[in-house]
Amino acid sequence: MSDFYVNKVVIVTGGTEGIGKALVQALIAKGAKVATCGRNSDKLYALQAEYPSSPLHTVVADVSSENDCRHFIESTLKVFGGIDILINNAGISMRALLTELSTEVLHKVMNVNFFGAVYCTKYSLPSILERQGIIVGISSIAGYRGLPGRSGYSASKFALQGWLESVRTELLDSGVHVMWVCPGFTTSNIRQAALNEHGDPQGESPMDEEKMMSAEECGGHILDAIEKRKRTLVLTFTGKRTIFMNKFFPGLADKLVRKFFFKDGKLVR
């Protein structure tokens, strides 16, 4: 087994469930020093209790708050002395047609998915530059192809990828590596927690979660890609096919995506 992660300080935002939790668990197993944050103190406490003797630093933080992000990063620097890898994983989704949608939902999704990554990256950057580390954004196929009923989510992921590409180019000569990952449909809580048109959690998933890639498998692919310093990682055949179709046959992609997300003329929520 590679010792790439041994004693590296790795930040994972949103590490209490789904892909984030799988990343935290895998990183600890690989010998990393891990810092993670989440909004739910009980879930963070439970995670900390799983690893009482491991180098795990947890902080209650809402990544949509710049002050929370600054406190999280500063406390990580105080505890571990530096940052080698930042994985911007925290995210939220939404399901609503634009005709029904409150613009506050768009603000909330953008603040978590985009500005949360901006804040954490900005405050981590001096240490990452010093250590010639790695910045990662957990994006989505929705960052390559706009999805109906998920307009705010797609907008946030398009923004995240464009921003990371700009930052990557700015830092080309610095020794810092910047990459983004598009997991495709992966088992997680993101669909149950997706916001409806009023900004309330949907509470259910429209997808068959059992047929999706597990969070643990997804996390393993992500950590392998980070170690290999890949530019991007797109997971699942469906994800790769969607990007291919959208690039070369955009009109057909419109129709296929519409057919996938609408049943009998109604949005699949």
C-alpha atoms as a PDB file:
ATOM      1  CA  MET A   1       0.000   0.000   0.000  1.00  0.00           C
ATOM      2  CA  SER A   2       1.248   3.476  -0.884  1.00  0.00           C
ATOM      3  CA  ASP A   3       2.428   5.712   1.956  1.00  0.00           C
ATOM      4  CA  PHE A   4       1.473   8.866   0.044  1.00  0.00           C
ATOM      5  CA  TYR A   5      -1.049   9.997   2.675  1.00  0.00           C
ATOM      6  CA  VAL A   6       0.972   9.079   5.771  1.00  0.00           C
ATOM      7  CA  ASN A   7       1.237  12.149   8.056  1.00  0.00           C
ATOM      8  CA  LYS A   8      -0.218  14.463   5.404  1.00  0.00           C
ATOM      9  CA  VAL A   9      -2.697  17.002   6.727  1.00  0.00           C
ATOM     10  CA  VAL A  10      -5.916  16.666   4.741  1.00  0.00           C
ATOM     11  CA  ILE A  11      -9.014  18.837   5.091  1.00  0.00           C
ATOM     12  CA  VAL A  12     -12.368  17.391   4.005  1.00  0.00           C
ATOM     13  CA  THR A  13     -15.348  19.743   4.246  1.00  0.00           C
ATOM     14  CA  GLY A  14     -18.688  18.097   4.935  1.00  0.00           C
ATOM     15  CA  GLY A  15     -17.193  14.943   6.404  1.00  0.00           C
ATOM     16  CA  THR A  16     -20.064  13.550   8.474  1.00  0.00           C
ATOM     17  CA  GLU A  17     -21.880  11.562   5.787  1.00  0.00           C
ATOM     18  CA  GLY A  18     -21.776  10.317   2.209  1.00  0.00           C
ATOM     19  CA  ILE A  19     -18.624  10.787   0.170  1.00  0.00           C
ATOM     20  CA  GLY A  20     -17.138  13.140   2.767  1.00  0.00           C
ATOM     21  CA  LYS A  21     -17.379  10.585   5.565  1.00  0.00           C
ATOM     22  CA  ALA A  22     -16.007   7.852   3.302  1.00  0.00           C
ATOM     23  CA  LEU A  23     -13.032  10.092   2.505  1.00  0.00           C
ATOM     24  CA  VAL A  24     -12.382  10.819   6.190  1.00  0.00           C
ATOM     25  CA  GLN A  25     -12.485   7.133   7.087  1.00  0.00           C
ATOM     26  CA  ALA A  26     -10.226   6.110   4.203  1.00  0.00           C
ATOM     27  CA  LEU A  27      -7.732   8.884   4.926  1.00  0.00           C
ATOM     28  CA  ILE A  28      -7.435   7.920   8.587  1.00  0.00           C
ATOM     29  CA  ALA A  29      -6.857   4.312   7.520  1.00  0.00           C
ATOM     30  CA  LYS A  30      -4.071   5.543   5.218  1.00  0.00           C
ATOM     31  CA  GLY A  31      -2.306   7.371   8.047  1.00  0.00           C
ATOM     32  CA  ALA A  32      -3.328  10.944   7.284  1.00  0.00           C
ATOM     33  CA  LYS A  33      -4.025  13.697   9.782  1.00  0.00           C
ATOM     34  CA  VAL A  34      -7.590  14.711   8.998  1.00  0.00           C
ATOM     35  CA  ALA A  35      -9.635  17.830   9.703  1.00  0.00           C
ATOM     36  CA  THR A  36     -13.307  17.969   8.834  1.00  0.00           C
ATOM     37  CA  CYS A  37     -16.310  20.160   9.461  1.00  0.00           C
ATOM     38  CA  GLY A  38     -20.075  19.919   9.376  1.00  0.00           C
ATOM     39  CA  ARG A  39     -23.139  21.747  10.610  1.00  0.00           C
ATOM     40  CA  ASN A  40     -24.403  18.944  12.865  1.00  0.00           C
ATOM     41  CA  SER A  41     -22.497  18.760  16.163  1.00  0.00           C
ATOM     42  CA  ASP A  42     -23.965  15.354  17.063  1.00  0.00           C
ATOM     43  CA  LYS A  43     -22.714  13.786  13.823  1.00  0.00           C
ATOM     44  CA  LEU A  44     -19.269  15.312  14.334  1.00  0.00           C
ATOM     45  CA  TYR A  45     -19.177  14.010  17.902  1.00  0.00           C
ATOM     46  CA  ALA A  46     -20.139  10.518  16.679  1.00  0.00           C
ATOM     47  CA  LEU A  47     -17.406  10.638  14.037  1.00  0.00           C
ATOM     48  CA  GLN A  48     -14.838  11.749  16.605  1.00  0.00           C
ATOM     49  CA  ALA A  49     -15.948   8.920  18.905  1.00  0.00           C
ATOM     50  CA  GLU A  50     -15.206   6.388  16.148  1.00  0.00           C
ATOM     51  CA  TYR A  51     -11.552   7.470  16.132  1.00  0.00           C
ATOM     52  CA  PRO A  52     -10.653   8.435  19.722  1.00  0.00           C
ATOM     53  CA  SER A  53      -6.921   7.896  19.250  1.00  0.00           C
ATOM     54  CA  SER A  54      -6.567   9.041  15.639  1.00  0.00           C
ATOM     55  CA  PRO A  55      -5.368  12.482  14.498  1.00  0.00           C
ATOM     56  CA  LEU A  56      -8.868  13.745  13.657  1.00  0.00           C
ATOM     57  CA  HIS A  57      -9.841  17.389  14.160  1.00  0.00           C
ATOM     58  CA  THR A  58     -13.537  18.272  13.905  1.00  0.00           C
ATOM     59  CA  VAL A  59     -15.169  21.699  13.914  1.00  0.00           C
ATOM     60  CA  VAL A  60     -18.818  22.726  13.711  1.00  0.00           C
ATOM     61  CA  ALA A  61     -18.965  25.009  10.691  1.00  0.00           C
ATOM     62  CA  ASP A  62     -21.324  26.082   7.939  1.00  0.00           C
ATOM     63  CA  VAL A  63     -19.197  26.567   4.835  1.00  0.00           C
ATOM     64  CA  SER A  64     -21.571  29.213   3.507  1.00  0.00           C
ATOM     65  CA  SER A  65     -20.246  31.436   6.315  1.00  0.00           C
ATOM     66  CA  GLU A  66     -16.871  33.026   5.593  1.00  0.00           C
ATOM     67  CA  ASN A  67     -16.211  33.449   9.316  1.00  0.00           C
ATOM     68  CA  ASP A  68     -16.928  29.764   9.964  1.00  0.00           C
ATOM     69  CA  CYS A  69     -14.550  28.763   7.167  1.00  0.00           C
ATOM     70  CA  ARG A  70     -11.814  31.054   8.449  1.00  0.00           C
ATOM     71  CA  HIS A  71     -12.177  29.658  11.980  1.00  0.00           C
ATOM     72  CA  PHE A  72     -12.108  26.072  10.680  1.00  0.00           C
ATOM     73  CA  ILE A  73      -8.957  26.621   8.637  1.00  0.00           C
ATOM     74  CA  GLU A  74      -7.198  28.608  11.368  1.00  0.00           C
ATOM     75  CA  SER A  75      -7.981  25.954  13.989  1.00  0.00           C
ATOM     76  CA  THR A  76      -6.672  23.227  11.663  1.00  0.00           C
ATOM     77  CA  LEU A  77      -3.427  25.150  11.197  1.00  0.00           C
ATOM     78  CA  LYS A  78      -3.154  25.543  14.961  1.00  0.00           C
ATOM     79  CA  VAL A  79      -3.736  21.821  15.619  1.00  0.00           C
ATOM     80  CA  PHE A  80      -1.690  20.313  12.769  1.00  0.00           C
ATOM     81  CA  GLY A  81       0.708  23.089  11.799  1.00  0.00           C
ATOM     82  CA  GLY A  82      -0.093  23.173   8.085  1.00  0.00           C
ATOM     83  CA  ILE A  83      -2.282  21.892   5.252  1.00  0.00           C
ATOM     84  CA  ASP A  84      -1.192  19.553   2.468  1.00  0.00           C
ATOM     85  CA  ILE A  85      -4.498  18.745   0.776  1.00  0.00           C
ATOM     86  CA  LEU A  86      -7.859  20.519   0.761  1.00  0.00           C
ATOM     87  CA  ILE A  87     -10.885  18.560  -0.467  1.00  0.00           C
ATOM     88  CA  ASN A  88     -13.858  20.908  -0.951  1.00  0.00           C
ATOM     89  CA  ASN A  89     -16.593  18.317  -0.577  1.00  0.00           C
ATOM     90  CA  ALA A  90     -19.442  20.033   1.301  1.00  0.00           C
ATOM     91  CA  GLY A  91     -22.436  20.508  -0.941  1.00  0.00           C
ATOM     92  CA  ILE A  92     -26.192  20.793  -1.198  1.00  0.00           C
ATOM     93  CA  SER A  93     -28.602  20.148  -4.058  1.00  0.00           C
ATOM     94  CA  MET A  94     -32.065  21.368  -5.049  1.00  0.00           C
ATOM     95  CA  ARG A  95     -35.030  20.141  -7.077  1.00  0.00           C
ATOM     96  CA  ALA A  96     -37.517  22.651  -8.442  1.00  0.00           C
ATOM     97  CA  LEU A  97     -38.529  24.213 -11.729  1.00  0.00           C
ATOM     98  CA  LEU A  98     -37.534  27.839 -12.256  1.00  0.00           C
ATOM     99  CA  THR A  99     -41.223  28.818 -12.565  1.00  0.00           C
ATOM    100  CA  GLU A 100     -41.755  27.679  -8.958  1.00  0.00           C
ATOM    101  CA  LEU A 101     -38.382  28.496  -7.477  1.00  0.00           C
ATOM    102  CA  SER A 102     -37.600  31.069  -4.799  1.00  0.00           C
ATOM    103  CA  THR A 103     -34.402  32.889  -5.685  1.00  0.00           C
ATOM    104  CA  GLU A 104     -33.303  32.413  -2.053  1.00  0.00           C
ATOM    105  CA  VAL A 105     -32.800  28.724  -2.863  1.00  0.00           C
ATOM    106  CA  LEU A 106     -30.365  29.689  -5.622  1.00  0.00           C
ATOM    107  CA  HIS A 107     -28.459  31.904  -3.188  1.00  0.00           C
ATOM    108  CA  LYS A 108     -28.263  29.142  -0.585  1.00  0.00           C
ATOM    109  CA  VAL A 109     -27.007  26.512  -3.037  1.00  0.00           C
ATOM    110  CA  MET A 110     -24.443  28.877  -4.519  1.00  0.00           C
ATOM    111  CA  ASN A 111     -23.237  29.964  -1.072  1.00  0.00           C
ATOM    112  CA  VAL A 112     -22.588  26.373   0.026  1.00  0.00           C
ATOM    113  CA  ASN A 113     -21.329  24.777  -3.183  1.00  0.00           C
ATOM    114  CA  PHE A 114     -19.344  27.643  -4.664  1.00  0.00           C
ATOM    115  CA  PHE A 115     -18.509  30.220  -2.011  1.00  0.00           C
ATOM    116  CA  GLY A 116     -17.824  27.515   0.586  1.00  0.00           C
ATOM    117  CA  ALA A 117     -15.035  26.233  -1.654  1.00  0.00           C
ATOM    118  CA  VAL A 118     -13.817  29.778  -2.301  1.00  0.00           C
ATOM    119  CA  TYR A 119     -13.595  30.633   1.409  1.00  0.00           C
ATOM    120  CA  CYS A 120     -11.844  27.414   2.459  1.00  0.00           C
ATOM    121  CA  THR A 121      -9.412  27.566  -0.449  1.00  0.00           C
ATOM    122  CA  LYS A 122      -8.589  31.236   0.143  1.00  0.00           C
ATOM    123  CA  TYR A 123      -7.719  30.722   3.818  1.00  0.00           C
ATOM    124  CA  SER A 124      -5.858  27.444   3.186  1.00  0.00           C
ATOM    125  CA  LEU A 125      -3.853  28.748   0.260  1.00  0.00           C
ATOM    126  CA  PRO A 126      -0.797  30.216   2.058  1.00  0.00           C
ATOM    127  CA  SER A 127      -0.052  26.881   3.729  1.00  0.00           C
ATOM    128  CA  ILE A 128      -0.844  24.867   0.599  1.00  0.00           C
ATOM    129  CA  LEU A 129       1.506  27.103  -1.406  1.00  0.00           C
ATOM    130  CA  GLU A 130       4.225  26.639   1.189  1.00  0.00           C
ATOM    131  CA  ARG A 131       3.831  22.854   1.070  1.00  0.00           C
ATOM    132  CA  GLN A 132       3.139  22.669  -2.694  1.00  0.00           C
ATOM    133  CA  GLY A 133      -0.036  20.839  -1.872  1.00  0.00           C
ATOM    134  CA  ILE A 134      -3.271  19.933  -3.623  1.00  0.00           C
ATOM    135  CA  ILE A 135      -6.668  21.638  -3.937  1.00  0.00           C
ATOM    136  CA  VAL A 136      -9.651  19.469  -4.890  1.00  0.00           C
ATOM    137  CA  GLY A 137     -13.239  20.356  -5.717  1.00  0.00           C
ATOM    138  CA  ILE A 138     -15.952  17.705  -5.593  1.00  0.00           C
ATOM    139  CA  SER A 139     -18.100  18.746  -8.517  1.00  0.00           C
ATOM    140  CA  SER A 140     -20.687  16.837 -10.534  1.00  0.00           C
ATOM    141  CA  ILE A 141     -21.763  15.884 -14.021  1.00  0.00           C
ATOM    142  CA  ALA A 142     -24.079  18.858 -13.470  1.00  0.00           C
ATOM    143  CA  GLY A 143     -20.954  20.995 -13.791  1.00  0.00           C
ATOM    144  CA  TYR A 144     -20.632  19.920 -17.433  1.00  0.00           C
ATOM    145  CA  ARG A 145     -24.286  19.569 -18.372  1.00  0.00           C
ATOM    146  CA  GLY A 146     -27.156  21.677 -17.034  1.00  0.00           C
ATOM    147  CA  LEU A 147     -29.850  19.500 -15.474  1.00  0.00           C
ATOM    148  CA  PRO A 148     -33.548  20.465 -15.483  1.00  0.00           C
ATOM    149  CA  GLY A 149     -35.030  21.031 -12.059  1.00  0.00           C
ATOM    150  CA  ARG A 150     -31.481  21.358 -10.721  1.00  0.00           C
ATOM    151  CA  SER A 151     -30.644  24.732 -12.256  1.00  0.00           C
ATOM    152  CA  GLY A 152     -29.117  26.181  -9.086  1.00  0.00           C
ATOM    153  CA  TYR A 153     -27.085  23.050  -8.457  1.00  0.00           C
ATOM    154  CA  SER A 154     -25.795  23.027 -12.041  1.00  0.00           C
ATOM    155  CA  ALA A 155     -24.970  26.735 -11.839  1.00  0.00           C
ATOM    156  CA  SER A 156     -22.951  26.207  -8.650  1.00  0.00           C
ATOM    157  CA  LYS A 157     -20.972  23.321 -10.142  1.00  0.00           C
ATOM    158  CA  PHE A 158     -20.305  25.155 -13.424  1.00  0.00           C
ATOM    159  CA  ALA A 159     -19.051  28.059 -11.317  1.00  0.00           C
ATOM    160  CA  LEU A 160     -16.895  25.773  -9.166  1.00  0.00           C
ATOM    161  CA  GLN A 161     -15.223  24.134 -12.160  1.00  0.00           C
ATOM    162  CA  GLY A 162     -14.607  27.401 -13.975  1.00  0.00           C
ATOM    163  CA  TRP A 163     -13.163  28.956 -10.840  1.00  0.00           C
ATOM    164  CA  LEU A 164     -10.906  25.964 -10.141  1.00  0.00           C
ATOM    165  CA  GLU A 165      -9.689  26.001 -13.741  1.00  0.00           C
ATOM    166  CA  SER A 166      -8.769  29.676 -13.347  1.00  0.00           C
ATOM    167  CA  VAL A 167      -6.989  28.992 -10.052  1.00  0.00           C
ATOM    168  CA  ARG A 168      -5.231  25.988 -11.543  1.00  0.00           C
ATOM    169  CA  THR A 169      -3.867  28.176 -14.344  1.00  0.00           C
ATOM    170  CA  GLU A 170      -2.797  30.897 -11.919  1.00  0.00           C
ATOM    171  CA  LEU A 171      -0.847  28.345  -9.861  1.00  0.00           C
ATOM    172  CA  LEU A 172       0.745  26.337 -12.690  1.00  0.00           C
ATOM    173  CA  ASP A 173       4.279  27.399 -11.768  1.00  0.00           C
ATOM    174  CA  SER A 174       3.790  27.189  -7.996  1.00  0.00           C
ATOM    175  CA  GLY A 175       3.967  23.441  -7.493  1.00  0.00           C
ATOM    176  CA  VAL A 176       0.356  23.418  -6.256  1.00  0.00           C
ATOM    177  CA  HIS A 177      -1.970  20.983  -8.027  1.00  0.00           C
ATOM    178  CA  VAL A 178      -5.654  21.840  -8.613  1.00  0.00           C
ATOM    179  CA  MET A 179      -8.231  19.274  -9.722  1.00  0.00           C
ATOM    180  CA  TRP A 180     -11.957  18.573  -9.687  1.00  0.00           C
ATOM    181  CA  VAL A 181     -13.929  15.352  -9.444  1.00  0.00           C
ATOM    182  CA  CYS A 182     -17.329  14.486 -10.893  1.00  0.00           C
ATOM    183  CA  PRO A 183     -18.657  11.425  -9.048  1.00  0.00           C
ATOM    184  CA  GLY A 184     -21.850  10.864 -11.045  1.00  0.00           C
ATOM    185  CA  PHE A 185     -24.731   9.234  -9.156  1.00  0.00           C
ATOM    186  CA  THR A 186     -23.286   8.002  -5.845  1.00  0.00           C
ATOM    187  CA  THR A 187     -25.084   6.736  -2.751  1.00  0.00           C
ATOM    188  CA  SER A 188     -25.338   9.660  -0.338  1.00  0.00           C
ATOM    189  CA  ASN A 189     -27.783  11.875   1.525  1.00  0.00           C
ATOM    190  CA  ILE A 190     -27.567  14.715  -0.998  1.00  0.00           C
ATOM    191  CA  ARG A 191     -30.830  13.852  -2.782  1.00  0.00           C
ATOM    192  CA  GLN A 192     -32.828  13.477   0.463  1.00  0.00           C
ATOM    193  CA  ALA A 193     -31.400  16.785   1.694  1.00  0.00           C
ATOM    194  CA  ALA A 194     -31.996  18.543  -1.647  1.00  0.00           C
ATOM    195  CA  LEU A 195     -33.984  21.756  -1.274  1.00  0.00           C
ATOM    196  CA  ASN A 196     -37.452  22.157  -2.753  1.00  0.00           C
ATOM    197  CA  GLU A 197     -38.782  25.356  -4.292  1.00  0.00           C
ATOM    198  CA  HIS A 198     -39.255  26.891  -0.835  1.00  0.00           C
ATOM    199  CA  GLY A 199     -35.808  25.943   0.493  1.00  0.00           C
ATOM    200  CA  ASP A 200     -36.968  23.006   2.627  1.00  0.00           C
ATOM    201  CA  PRO A 201     -35.341  19.540   2.435  1.00  0.00           C
ATOM    202  CA  GLN A 202     -37.149  17.156   0.086  1.00  0.00           C
ATOM    203  CA  GLY A 203     -36.705  14.256   2.501  1.00  0.00           C
ATOM    204  CA  GLU A 204     -36.661  11.563  -0.185  1.00  0.00           C
ATOM    205  CA  SER A 205     -34.651  10.490  -3.211  1.00  0.00           C
ATOM    206  CA  PRO A 206     -36.142  10.138  -6.710  1.00  0.00           C
ATOM    207  CA  MET A 207     -33.388   7.630  -7.615  1.00  0.00           C
ATOM    208  CA  ASP A 208     -32.777   3.974  -6.809  1.00  0.00           C
ATOM    209  CA  GLU A 209     -29.920   4.482  -4.348  1.00  0.00           C
ATOM    210  CA  GLU A 210     -29.072   0.755  -4.219  1.00  0.00           C
ATOM    211  CA  LYS A 211     -28.000   0.729  -7.879  1.00  0.00           C
ATOM    212  CA  MET A 212     -25.510   3.577  -7.463  1.00  0.00           C
ATOM    213  CA  MET A 213     -21.786   3.510  -6.757  1.00  0.00           C
ATOM    214  CA  SER A 214     -21.138   3.361  -3.027  1.00  0.00           C
ATOM    215  CA  ALA A 215     -19.614   6.340  -1.244  1.00  0.00           C
ATOM    216  CA  GLU A 216     -16.712   4.124  -0.167  1.00  0.00           C
ATOM    217  CA  GLU A 217     -15.888   3.093  -3.735  1.00  0.00           C
ATOM    218  CA  CYS A 218     -16.210   6.691  -4.895  1.00  0.00           C
ATOM    219  CA  GLY A 219     -13.896   7.861  -2.115  1.00  0.00           C
ATOM    220  CA  GLY A 220     -11.293   5.290  -3.117  1.00  0.00           C
ATOM    221  CA  HIS A 221     -11.292   6.533  -6.712  1.00  0.00           C
ATOM    222  CA  ILE A 222     -10.968  10.129  -5.532  1.00  0.00           C
ATOM    223  CA  LEU A 223      -7.974   9.405  -3.304  1.00  0.00           C
ATOM    224  CA  ASP A 224      -6.254   7.456  -6.095  1.00  0.00           C
ATOM    225  CA  ALA A 225      -6.783  10.393  -8.475  1.00  0.00           C
ATOM    226  CA  ILE A 226      -5.390  12.863  -5.933  1.00  0.00           C
ATOM    227  CA  GLU A 227      -2.281  10.744  -5.444  1.00  0.00           C
ATOM    228  CA  LYS A 228      -1.783  10.596  -9.227  1.00  0.00           C
ATOM    229  CA  ARG A 229      -2.431  14.359  -9.522  1.00  0.00           C
ATOM    230  CA  LYS A 230      -5.024  13.931 -12.244  1.00  0.00           C
ATOM    231  CA  ARG A 231      -6.484  17.062 -13.773  1.00  0.00           C
ATOM    232  CA  THR A 232     -10.049  15.804 -13.563  1.00  0.00           C
ATOM    233  CA  LEU A 233     -11.857  12.600 -12.634  1.00  0.00           C
ATOM    234  CA  VAL A 234     -15.230  11.631 -14.087  1.00  0.00           C
ATOM    235  CA  LEU A 235     -16.786   8.537 -12.547  1.00  0.00           C
ATOM    236  CA  THR A 236     -19.454   6.128 -13.855  1.00  0.00           C
ATOM    237  CA  PHE A 237     -20.230   5.218 -17.446  1.00  0.00           C
ATOM    238  CA  THR A 238     -23.385   7.337 -17.382  1.00  0.00           C
ATOM    239  CA  GLY A 239     -21.366  10.395 -16.383  1.00  0.00           C
ATOM    240  CA  LYS A 240     -18.771   9.908 -19.104  1.00  0.00           C
ATOM    241  CA  ARG A 241     -21.468   9.262 -21.718  1.00  0.00           C
ATOM    242  CA  THR A 242     -23.384  12.387 -20.700  1.00  0.00           C
ATOM    243  CA  ILE A 243     -20.308  14.609 -21.071  1.00  0.00           C
ATOM    244  CA  PHE A 244     -19.463  13.018 -24.437  1.00  0.00           C
ATOM    245  CA  MET A 245     -23.014  13.431 -25.773  1.00  0.00           C
ATOM    246  CA  ASN A 246     -23.253  17.013 -24.555  1.00  0.00           C
ATOM    247  CA  LYS A 247     -19.978  17.952 -26.247  1.00  0.00           C
ATOM    248  CA  PHE A 248     -20.552  16.333 -29.621  1.00  0.00           C
ATOM    249  CA  PHE A 249     -24.364  15.999 -29.891  1.00  0.00           C
ATOM    250  CA  PRO A 250     -25.784  18.800 -27.716  1.00  0.00           C
ATOM    251  CA  GLY A 251     -29.232  18.860 -29.325  1.00  0.00           C
ATOM    252  CA  LEU A 252     -29.695  15.143 -28.783  1.00  0.00           C
ATOM    253  CA  ALA A 253     -28.356  15.501 -25.242  1.00  0.00           C
ATOM    254  CA  ASP A 254     -31.070  18.068 -24.519  1.00  0.00           C
ATOM    255  CA  LYS A 255     -33.759  15.570 -25.511  1.00  0.00           C
ATOM    256  CA  LEU A 256     -32.215  12.624 -23.654  1.00  0.00           C
ATOM    257  CA  VAL A 257     -31.694  14.609 -20.456  1.00  0.00           C
ATOM    258  CA  ARG A 258     -35.241  15.954 -20.684  1.00  0.00           C
ATOM    259  CA  LYS A 259     -36.566  12.414 -21.092  1.00  0.00           C
ATOM    260  CA  PHE A 260     -34.539  11.185 -18.099  1.00  0.00           C
ATOM    261  CA  PHE A 261     -35.709  13.892 -15.689  1.00  0.00           C
ATOM    262  CA  PHE A 262     -39.342  14.179 -16.793  1.00  0.00           C
ATOM    263  CA  LYS A 263     -42.026  11.478 -16.579  1.00  0.00           C
ATOM    264  CA  ASP A 264     -45.422  12.138 -18.135  1.00  0.00           C
ATOM    265  CA  GLY A 265     -44.469  15.773 -18.523  1.00  0.00           C
ATOM    266  CA  LYS A 266     -43.667  16.223 -14.842  1.00  0.00           C
ATOM    267  CA  LEU A 267     -40.291  16.734 -13.211  1.00  0.00           C
ATOM    268  CA  VAL A 268     -38.918  13.733 -11.362  1.00  0.00           C
ATOM    269  CA  ARG A 269     -38.304  15.128  -7.881  1.00  0.00           C
END
